[in-house]
């Protein structure tokens, strides 16, 4: 879906490969509500200056949103925001592109702050992917506690996911940890079978570890399993693959990251 959206953008408009071409646009198209004095040069970002003005929705952003939709066949734009560098940030699902106010040009790529070489787009994507960790429905998870359980993380796993098993091996030996595992059967019909057998086990955590770490097939059991709720939660959080990891600070990391990286993020 996301790939199709980006293909529509590329096919319908000249996608610029460099921010410098945007700065050649008329000054009136570059100024935004966050710039105090109109200028023909986009303001430089500083470490204290946010890349995007949070929550600033006005007639200009709404107009850009409508123009973007009109130009690209009523494309479903999630949101449009002012930025501190003179462009408008257009969110398309979990992706970002940038445009000038008349939507004459669209930039599909990562913006880099030349003053400190920070990837502005990557920072924004991480911010947009954050969640309220405390709001997760933990009753839909398999809870495991090691030590005092003071550090917390949540994982979306398919029981047949090889990278999920690798992540589990990387987690062995990490102390004082609470892990909430949300079972997400997305790989095969057998995934749903294993989810059911793990969920119905009286010792869910032990059965889960025995399968993920030792390859011991969960015993066949029967009970009510909220598989539809598991999948709906994954969709709500835009989990597009497993493993997907969420830490207590709300940050999200995809993939089987290393033990060192896990410990670093837990701190």
C-alpha atoms as a PDB file:
ATOM      1  CA  UNK A   1       0.000   0.000   0.000  1.00  0.00           C
ATOM      2  CA  UNK A   2       2.762   2.405   1.012  1.00  0.00           C
ATOM      3  CA  UNK A   3       4.826   1.516  -2.003  1.00  0.00           C
ATOM      4  CA  UNK A   4       1.840   2.155  -4.230  1.00  0.00           C
ATOM      5  CA  UNK A   5       1.274   5.548  -2.643  1.00  0.00           C
ATOM      6  CA  UNK A   6       4.864   6.568  -3.251  1.00  0.00           C
ATOM      7  CA  UNK A   7       4.699   5.293  -6.829  1.00  0.00           C
ATOM      8  CA  UNK A   8       1.674   7.521  -7.363  1.00  0.00           C
ATOM      9  CA  UNK A   9       3.619  10.502  -6.087  1.00  0.00           C
ATOM     10  CA  UNK A  10       6.625   9.784  -8.260  1.00  0.00           C
ATOM     11  CA  UNK A  11       4.520   9.129 -11.338  1.00  0.00           C
ATOM     12  CA  UNK A  12       2.433  12.263 -10.907  1.00  0.00           C
ATOM     13  CA  UNK A  13       4.947  14.958  -9.989  1.00  0.00           C
ATOM     14  CA  UNK A  14       8.599  15.916 -10.427  1.00  0.00           C
ATOM     15  CA  UNK A  15      10.298  14.484  -7.335  1.00  0.00           C
ATOM     16  CA  UNK A  16      13.342  16.553  -6.457  1.00  0.00           C
ATOM     17  CA  UNK A  17      16.485  14.877  -5.206  1.00  0.00           C
ATOM     18  CA  UNK A  18      17.925  17.880  -3.402  1.00  0.00           C
ATOM     19  CA  UNK A  19      16.547  20.383  -0.942  1.00  0.00           C
ATOM     20  CA  UNK A  20      18.423  23.146  -2.711  1.00  0.00           C
ATOM     21  CA  UNK A  21      15.927  23.153  -5.572  1.00  0.00           C
ATOM     22  CA  UNK A  22      13.171  23.977  -3.109  1.00  0.00           C
ATOM     23  CA  UNK A  23      15.067  26.988  -1.890  1.00  0.00           C
ATOM     24  CA  UNK A  24      14.892  28.429  -5.403  1.00  0.00           C
ATOM     25  CA  UNK A  25      11.108  28.747  -5.076  1.00  0.00           C
ATOM     26  CA  UNK A  26       9.581  32.212  -4.436  1.00  0.00           C
ATOM     27  CA  UNK A  27      10.015  33.487  -0.890  1.00  0.00           C
ATOM     28  CA  UNK A  28       6.263  33.661  -0.337  1.00  0.00           C
ATOM     29  CA  UNK A  29       6.051  29.899  -0.791  1.00  0.00           C
ATOM     30  CA  UNK A  30       8.864  29.237   1.696  1.00  0.00           C
ATOM     31  CA  UNK A  31       7.745  31.155   4.749  1.00  0.00           C
ATOM     32  CA  UNK A  32       5.564  29.444   7.323  1.00  0.00           C
ATOM     33  CA  UNK A  33       3.773  30.401  10.496  1.00  0.00           C
ATOM     34  CA  UNK A  34       6.840  29.403  12.520  1.00  0.00           C
ATOM     35  CA  UNK A  35       9.087  31.944  10.771  1.00  0.00           C
ATOM     36  CA  UNK A  36       8.896  35.322  12.486  1.00  0.00           C
ATOM     37  CA  UNK A  37      10.329  37.326   9.569  1.00  0.00           C
ATOM     38  CA  UNK A  38       9.643  36.381   5.940  1.00  0.00           C
ATOM     39  CA  UNK A  39      12.861  35.568   4.114  1.00  0.00           C
ATOM     40  CA  UNK A  40      13.957  34.143   0.804  1.00  0.00           C
ATOM     41  CA  UNK A  41      16.204  31.713   2.689  1.00  0.00           C
ATOM     42  CA  UNK A  42      14.777  28.913   4.792  1.00  0.00           C
ATOM     43  CA  UNK A  43      15.791  29.287   8.472  1.00  0.00           C
ATOM     44  CA  UNK A  44      18.579  27.033   9.671  1.00  0.00           C
ATOM     45  CA  UNK A  45      17.678  24.405  12.231  1.00  0.00           C
ATOM     46  CA  UNK A  46      19.328  24.407  15.611  1.00  0.00           C
ATOM     47  CA  UNK A  47      19.395  21.714  18.262  1.00  0.00           C
ATOM     48  CA  UNK A  48      16.863  23.716  20.273  1.00  0.00           C
ATOM     49  CA  UNK A  49      14.506  24.284  17.357  1.00  0.00           C
ATOM     50  CA  UNK A  50      11.929  21.565  16.604  1.00  0.00           C
ATOM     51  CA  UNK A  51      11.812  20.305  13.049  1.00  0.00           C
ATOM     52  CA  UNK A  52       8.019  20.346  13.118  1.00  0.00           C
ATOM     53  CA  UNK A  53       5.571  22.534  14.995  1.00  0.00           C
ATOM     54  CA  UNK A  54       3.467  20.004  16.867  1.00  0.00           C
ATOM     55  CA  UNK A  55      -0.274  20.363  16.693  1.00  0.00           C
ATOM     56  CA  UNK A  56      -0.232  23.448  14.497  1.00  0.00           C
ATOM     57  CA  UNK A  57      -3.185  22.992  12.176  1.00  0.00           C
ATOM     58  CA  UNK A  58      -4.512  26.021  10.339  1.00  0.00           C
ATOM     59  CA  UNK A  59      -6.008  27.100   7.033  1.00  0.00           C
ATOM     60  CA  UNK A  60      -2.644  26.840   5.273  1.00  0.00           C
ATOM     61  CA  UNK A  61      -1.964  23.239   6.250  1.00  0.00           C
ATOM     62  CA  UNK A  62      -5.546  22.300   5.422  1.00  0.00           C
ATOM     63  CA  UNK A  63      -5.194  23.983   2.031  1.00  0.00           C
ATOM     64  CA  UNK A  64      -1.942  22.110   1.341  1.00  0.00           C
ATOM     65  CA  UNK A  65      -3.630  18.857   2.333  1.00  0.00           C
ATOM     66  CA  UNK A  66      -6.491  19.478  -0.092  1.00  0.00           C
ATOM     67  CA  UNK A  67      -4.171  20.522  -2.940  1.00  0.00           C
ATOM     68  CA  UNK A  68      -2.074  17.403  -2.376  1.00  0.00           C
ATOM     69  CA  UNK A  69      -5.173  15.231  -2.522  1.00  0.00           C
ATOM     70  CA  UNK A  70      -6.411  16.973  -5.636  1.00  0.00           C
ATOM     71  CA  UNK A  71      -3.097  16.570  -7.443  1.00  0.00           C
ATOM     72  CA  UNK A  72      -2.731  12.887  -6.605  1.00  0.00           C
ATOM     73  CA  UNK A  73      -6.219  11.517  -7.080  1.00  0.00           C
ATOM     74  CA  UNK A  74      -7.633  12.241  -3.644  1.00  0.00           C
ATOM     75  CA  UNK A  75      -4.722  10.457  -1.986  1.00  0.00           C
ATOM     76  CA  UNK A  76      -5.390   9.637   1.696  1.00  0.00           C
ATOM     77  CA  UNK A  77      -3.147  12.161   3.449  1.00  0.00           C
ATOM     78  CA  UNK A  78      -2.875  11.464   7.170  1.00  0.00           C
ATOM     79  CA  UNK A  79      -1.749  14.946   8.154  1.00  0.00           C
ATOM     80  CA  UNK A  80       0.113  18.035   6.949  1.00  0.00           C
ATOM     81  CA  UNK A  81       2.366  20.045   9.276  1.00  0.00           C
ATOM     82  CA  UNK A  82       4.448  23.208   9.186  1.00  0.00           C
ATOM     83  CA  UNK A  83       8.211  22.730   9.460  1.00  0.00           C
ATOM     84  CA  UNK A  84      10.932  25.074  10.651  1.00  0.00           C
ATOM     85  CA  UNK A  85      12.754  24.859   7.316  1.00  0.00           C
ATOM     86  CA  UNK A  86      10.079  26.342   5.089  1.00  0.00           C
ATOM     87  CA  UNK A  87       8.436  23.231   3.632  1.00  0.00           C
ATOM     88  CA  UNK A  88       5.317  21.337   4.605  1.00  0.00           C
ATOM     89  CA  UNK A  89       5.602  17.821   5.996  1.00  0.00           C
ATOM     90  CA  UNK A  90       3.024  15.498   4.431  1.00  0.00           C
ATOM     91  CA  UNK A  91       2.342  12.263   6.283  1.00  0.00           C
ATOM     92  CA  UNK A  92       1.147   9.364   4.134  1.00  0.00           C
ATOM     93  CA  UNK A  93       0.419   6.583   6.589  1.00  0.00           C
ATOM     94  CA  UNK A  94       3.785   5.796   8.167  1.00  0.00           C
ATOM     95  CA  UNK A  95       5.760   7.601   5.450  1.00  0.00           C
ATOM     96  CA  UNK A  96       6.756  11.238   4.969  1.00  0.00           C
ATOM     97  CA  UNK A  97       7.234  13.455   1.937  1.00  0.00           C
ATOM     98  CA  UNK A  98       7.726  17.226   1.728  1.00  0.00           C
ATOM     99  CA  UNK A  99       6.164  19.887  -0.448  1.00  0.00           C
ATOM    100  CA  UNK A 100       6.057  23.627  -1.003  1.00  0.00           C
ATOM    101  CA  UNK A 101       2.844  25.482  -0.222  1.00  0.00           C
ATOM    102  CA  UNK A 102       1.426  25.473  -3.793  1.00  0.00           C
ATOM    103  CA  UNK A 103       2.273  21.738  -4.022  1.00  0.00           C
ATOM    104  CA  UNK A 104       4.323  22.483  -7.124  1.00  0.00           C
ATOM    105  CA  UNK A 105       7.165  20.197  -6.065  1.00  0.00           C
ATOM    106  CA  UNK A 106       7.354  17.118  -3.853  1.00  0.00           C
ATOM    107  CA  UNK A 107      10.479  15.782  -2.186  1.00  0.00           C
ATOM    108  CA  UNK A 108      10.479  12.035  -1.549  1.00  0.00           C
ATOM    109  CA  UNK A 109      13.569  11.320   0.526  1.00  0.00           C
ATOM    110  CA  UNK A 110      15.394  12.113   3.752  1.00  0.00           C
ATOM    111  CA  UNK A 111      16.143  15.670   4.808  1.00  0.00           C
ATOM    112  CA  UNK A 112      19.520  16.176   6.495  1.00  0.00           C
ATOM    113  CA  UNK A 113      20.367  19.090   8.796  1.00  0.00           C
ATOM    114  CA  UNK A 114      23.679  20.178   7.265  1.00  0.00           C
ATOM    115  CA  UNK A 115      24.764  21.993  10.445  1.00  0.00           C
ATOM    116  CA  UNK A 116      24.974  18.797  12.487  1.00  0.00           C
ATOM    117  CA  UNK A 117      24.369  16.079   9.844  1.00  0.00           C
ATOM    118  CA  UNK A 118      21.331  14.770  11.683  1.00  0.00           C
ATOM    119  CA  UNK A 119      18.677  12.940   9.683  1.00  0.00           C
ATOM    120  CA  UNK A 120      15.586  15.075  10.283  1.00  0.00           C
ATOM    121  CA  UNK A 121      13.278  12.658   8.503  1.00  0.00           C
ATOM    122  CA  UNK A 122      14.473   9.688  10.540  1.00  0.00           C
ATOM    123  CA  UNK A 123      13.940  11.637  13.768  1.00  0.00           C
ATOM    124  CA  UNK A 124      10.417  12.535  12.695  1.00  0.00           C
ATOM    125  CA  UNK A 125       9.567   8.955  11.728  1.00  0.00           C
ATOM    126  CA  UNK A 126      10.762   7.760  15.135  1.00  0.00           C
ATOM    127  CA  UNK A 127       8.674  10.423  16.862  1.00  0.00           C
ATOM    128  CA  UNK A 128       5.559   9.517  14.864  1.00  0.00           C
ATOM    129  CA  UNK A 129       6.049   5.833  15.667  1.00  0.00           C
ATOM    130  CA  UNK A 130       6.098   6.408  19.435  1.00  0.00           C
ATOM    131  CA  UNK A 131       3.235   5.090  21.520  1.00  0.00           C
ATOM    132  CA  UNK A 132       1.873   5.492  25.031  1.00  0.00           C
ATOM    133  CA  UNK A 133       3.415   2.355  26.506  1.00  0.00           C
ATOM    134  CA  UNK A 134       1.214   2.450  29.604  1.00  0.00           C
ATOM    135  CA  UNK A 135      -1.893   2.371  27.391  1.00  0.00           C
ATOM    136  CA  UNK A 136      -1.071  -1.021  25.861  1.00  0.00           C
ATOM    137  CA  UNK A 137      -3.719  -3.692  26.632  1.00  0.00           C
ATOM    138  CA  UNK A 138      -1.414  -5.865  28.719  1.00  0.00           C
ATOM    139  CA  UNK A 139      -4.224  -8.329  29.396  1.00  0.00           C
ATOM    140  CA  UNK A 140      -3.756  -9.445  25.770  1.00  0.00           C
ATOM    141  CA  UNK A 141      -0.092 -10.285  26.357  1.00  0.00           C
ATOM    142  CA  UNK A 142       1.996 -13.088  27.799  1.00  0.00           C
ATOM    143  CA  UNK A 143       3.763 -11.533  30.782  1.00  0.00           C
ATOM    144  CA  UNK A 144       7.209 -12.733  31.879  1.00  0.00           C
ATOM    145  CA  UNK A 145       9.211 -11.260  34.756  1.00  0.00           C
ATOM    146  CA  UNK A 146      12.933 -11.685  35.407  1.00  0.00           C
ATOM    147  CA  UNK A 147      14.465 -10.384  38.628  1.00  0.00           C
ATOM    148  CA  UNK A 148      12.633  -7.358  40.001  1.00  0.00           C
ATOM    149  CA  UNK A 149      11.015  -6.659  36.605  1.00  0.00           C
ATOM    150  CA  UNK A 150      11.766  -2.945  36.885  1.00  0.00           C
ATOM    151  CA  UNK A 151      12.670  -2.523  33.202  1.00  0.00           C
ATOM    152  CA  UNK A 152       9.912  -3.062  30.676  1.00  0.00           C
ATOM    153  CA  UNK A 153       9.481  -3.865  27.015  1.00  0.00           C
ATOM    154  CA  UNK A 154       6.747  -5.245  24.774  1.00  0.00           C
ATOM    155  CA  UNK A 155       7.230  -7.482  21.741  1.00  0.00           C
ATOM    156  CA  UNK A 156       4.903  -8.433  18.904  1.00  0.00           C
ATOM    157  CA  UNK A 157       5.868 -11.940  17.820  1.00  0.00           C
ATOM    158  CA  UNK A 158       4.704 -14.597  15.405  1.00  0.00           C
ATOM    159  CA  UNK A 159       5.630 -18.024  16.865  1.00  0.00           C
ATOM    160  CA  UNK A 160       7.012 -19.089  13.472  1.00  0.00           C
ATOM    161  CA  UNK A 161       9.151 -15.971  13.015  1.00  0.00           C
ATOM    162  CA  UNK A 162      12.846 -16.859  12.812  1.00  0.00           C
ATOM    163  CA  UNK A 163      13.971 -13.328  13.688  1.00  0.00           C
ATOM    164  CA  UNK A 164      11.703 -13.415  16.751  1.00  0.00           C
ATOM    165  CA  UNK A 165      13.548 -16.512  17.920  1.00  0.00           C
ATOM    166  CA  UNK A 166      16.874 -14.776  17.338  1.00  0.00           C
ATOM    167  CA  UNK A 167      15.656 -11.798  19.390  1.00  0.00           C
ATOM    168  CA  UNK A 168      14.667 -14.179  22.194  1.00  0.00           C
ATOM    169  CA  UNK A 169      18.145 -15.667  22.213  1.00  0.00           C
ATOM    170  CA  UNK A 170      19.622 -12.164  22.380  1.00  0.00           C
ATOM    171  CA  UNK A 171      17.472 -11.423  25.433  1.00  0.00           C
ATOM    172  CA  UNK A 172      18.754 -14.381  27.461  1.00  0.00           C
ATOM    173  CA  UNK A 173      20.618 -13.163  30.539  1.00  0.00           C
ATOM    174  CA  UNK A 174      19.097  -9.689  30.698  1.00  0.00           C
ATOM    175  CA  UNK A 175      18.045  -9.215  34.331  1.00  0.00           C
ATOM    176  CA  UNK A 176      15.356  -7.138  36.089  1.00  0.00           C
ATOM    177  CA  UNK A 177      13.068  -7.189  33.067  1.00  0.00           C
ATOM    178  CA  UNK A 178       9.350  -7.469  32.420  1.00  0.00           C
ATOM    179  CA  UNK A 179       8.466  -8.635  28.910  1.00  0.00           C
ATOM    180  CA  UNK A 180       4.940  -8.362  27.521  1.00  0.00           C
ATOM    181  CA  UNK A 181       4.617 -10.572  24.448  1.00  0.00           C
ATOM    182  CA  UNK A 182       1.734  -9.866  22.079  1.00  0.00           C
ATOM    183  CA  UNK A 183       1.215 -12.934  19.911  1.00  0.00           C
ATOM    184  CA  UNK A 184       0.553 -11.944  16.315  1.00  0.00           C
ATOM    185  CA  UNK A 185      -0.158 -14.820  13.896  1.00  0.00           C
ATOM    186  CA  UNK A 186       0.619 -13.368  10.477  1.00  0.00           C
ATOM    187  CA  UNK A 187       2.961 -15.825   8.762  1.00  0.00           C
ATOM    188  CA  UNK A 188       0.883 -18.975   8.288  1.00  0.00           C
ATOM    189  CA  UNK A 189      -2.157 -20.959   9.433  1.00  0.00           C
ATOM    190  CA  UNK A 190       0.164 -22.898  11.731  1.00  0.00           C
ATOM    191  CA  UNK A 191       1.050 -19.622  13.440  1.00  0.00           C
ATOM    192  CA  UNK A 192      -2.542 -19.312  14.627  1.00  0.00           C
ATOM    193  CA  UNK A 193      -2.431 -22.908  15.901  1.00  0.00           C
ATOM    194  CA  UNK A 194       0.712 -22.250  17.925  1.00  0.00           C
ATOM    195  CA  UNK A 195      -0.690 -18.958  19.247  1.00  0.00           C
ATOM    196  CA  UNK A 196      -3.762 -20.839  20.461  1.00  0.00           C
ATOM    197  CA  UNK A 197      -1.716 -23.531  22.197  1.00  0.00           C
ATOM    198  CA  UNK A 198       0.608 -21.026  23.866  1.00  0.00           C
ATOM    199  CA  UNK A 199      -2.255 -18.796  24.975  1.00  0.00           C
ATOM    200  CA  UNK A 200      -4.251 -21.692  26.418  1.00  0.00           C
ATOM    201  CA  UNK A 201      -1.300 -23.074  28.405  1.00  0.00           C
ATOM    202  CA  UNK A 202      -1.513 -22.574  32.189  1.00  0.00           C
ATOM    203  CA  UNK A 203       2.194 -21.629  32.143  1.00  0.00           C
ATOM    204  CA  UNK A 204       2.167 -19.398  29.050  1.00  0.00           C
ATOM    205  CA  UNK A 205       5.645 -17.962  29.534  1.00  0.00           C
ATOM    206  CA  UNK A 206       7.327 -21.326  29.989  1.00  0.00           C
ATOM    207  CA  UNK A 207       5.615 -22.801  26.945  1.00  0.00           C
ATOM    208  CA  UNK A 208       6.515 -19.734  24.890  1.00  0.00           C
ATOM    209  CA  UNK A 209      10.202 -19.924  25.877  1.00  0.00           C
ATOM    210  CA  UNK A 210      10.307 -23.686  25.335  1.00  0.00           C
ATOM    211  CA  UNK A 211       9.150 -23.172  21.739  1.00  0.00           C
ATOM    212  CA  UNK A 212      11.082 -20.004  20.877  1.00  0.00           C
ATOM    213  CA  UNK A 213      14.378 -21.042  22.526  1.00  0.00           C
ATOM    214  CA  UNK A 214      14.351 -24.846  22.471  1.00  0.00           C
ATOM    215  CA  UNK A 215      11.996 -25.767  19.628  1.00  0.00           C
ATOM    216  CA  UNK A 216       9.629 -27.733  21.875  1.00  0.00           C
ATOM    217  CA  UNK A 217       6.250 -27.702  20.144  1.00  0.00           C
ATOM    218  CA  UNK A 218       3.471 -26.358  22.414  1.00  0.00           C
ATOM    219  CA  UNK A 219       1.027 -29.079  23.520  1.00  0.00           C
ATOM    220  CA  UNK A 220      -2.373 -28.996  21.856  1.00  0.00           C
ATOM    221  CA  UNK A 221      -4.903 -27.205  24.041  1.00  0.00           C
ATOM    222  CA  UNK A 222      -8.294 -25.588  23.606  1.00  0.00           C
ATOM    223  CA  UNK A 223      -9.717 -22.381  25.036  1.00  0.00           C
ATOM    224  CA  UNK A 224     -11.125 -19.043  23.906  1.00  0.00           C
ATOM    225  CA  UNK A 225      -8.332 -17.112  22.167  1.00  0.00           C
ATOM    226  CA  UNK A 226      -8.813 -13.438  21.200  1.00  0.00           C
ATOM    227  CA  UNK A 227      -6.913 -13.800  17.914  1.00  0.00           C
ATOM    228  CA  UNK A 228      -9.010 -11.119  16.208  1.00  0.00           C
ATOM    229  CA  UNK A 229      -8.078  -8.689  18.991  1.00  0.00           C
ATOM    230  CA  UNK A 230      -4.408  -9.610  18.610  1.00  0.00           C
ATOM    231  CA  UNK A 231      -4.553  -8.765  14.915  1.00  0.00           C
ATOM    232  CA  UNK A 232      -6.591  -5.584  15.441  1.00  0.00           C
ATOM    233  CA  UNK A 233      -4.038  -4.336  17.963  1.00  0.00           C
ATOM    234  CA  UNK A 234      -1.243  -4.982  15.488  1.00  0.00           C
ATOM    235  CA  UNK A 235      -3.121  -2.998  12.849  1.00  0.00           C
ATOM    236  CA  UNK A 236      -3.834  -0.125  15.241  1.00  0.00           C
ATOM    237  CA  UNK A 237      -0.128   0.177  16.054  1.00  0.00           C
ATOM    238  CA  UNK A 238       0.886  -0.237  12.383  1.00  0.00           C
ATOM    239  CA  UNK A 239       2.926  -3.346  13.134  1.00  0.00           C
ATOM    240  CA  UNK A 240       3.965  -4.455   9.663  1.00  0.00           C
ATOM    241  CA  UNK A 241       6.277  -7.296  10.621  1.00  0.00           C
ATOM    242  CA  UNK A 242       7.662  -9.276  13.518  1.00  0.00           C
ATOM    243  CA  UNK A 243       9.423  -8.850  15.802  1.00  0.00           C
ATOM    244  CA  UNK A 244       8.292  -5.328  16.624  1.00  0.00           C
ATOM    245  CA  UNK A 245       9.634  -4.014  19.919  1.00  0.00           C
ATOM    246  CA  UNK A 246       8.259  -1.210  22.084  1.00  0.00           C
ATOM    247  CA  UNK A 247      10.156   0.174  25.044  1.00  0.00           C
ATOM    248  CA  UNK A 248       8.786   1.912  28.132  1.00  0.00           C
ATOM    249  CA  UNK A 249       9.664   5.352  26.768  1.00  0.00           C
ATOM    250  CA  UNK A 250       7.284   4.685  23.864  1.00  0.00           C
ATOM    251  CA  UNK A 251       9.995   4.148  21.263  1.00  0.00           C
ATOM    252  CA  UNK A 252       9.610   1.466  18.609  1.00  0.00           C
ATOM    253  CA  UNK A 253      12.314  -0.713  17.058  1.00  0.00           C
ATOM    254  CA  UNK A 254      11.742  -3.339  14.365  1.00  0.00           C
ATOM    255  CA  UNK A 255      13.810  -6.479  14.026  1.00  0.00           C
ATOM    256  CA  UNK A 256      16.078  -8.742  16.050  1.00  0.00           C
ATOM    257  CA  UNK A 257      18.333  -6.139  17.610  1.00  0.00           C
ATOM    258  CA  UNK A 258      21.410  -7.149  19.569  1.00  0.00           C
ATOM    259  CA  UNK A 259      21.599  -7.769  23.304  1.00  0.00           C
ATOM    260  CA  UNK A 260      23.748  -4.661  23.681  1.00  0.00           C
ATOM    261  CA  UNK A 261      21.183  -2.533  21.878  1.00  0.00           C
ATOM    262  CA  UNK A 262      18.351  -3.923  24.022  1.00  0.00           C
ATOM    263  CA  UNK A 263      20.213  -3.087  27.248  1.00  0.00           C
ATOM    264  CA  UNK A 264      21.059   0.375  25.958  1.00  0.00           C
ATOM    265  CA  UNK A 265      17.427   1.131  25.154  1.00  0.00           C
ATOM    266  CA  UNK A 266      16.186  -0.286  28.466  1.00  0.00           C
ATOM    267  CA  UNK A 267      18.336   2.295  30.231  1.00  0.00           C
END
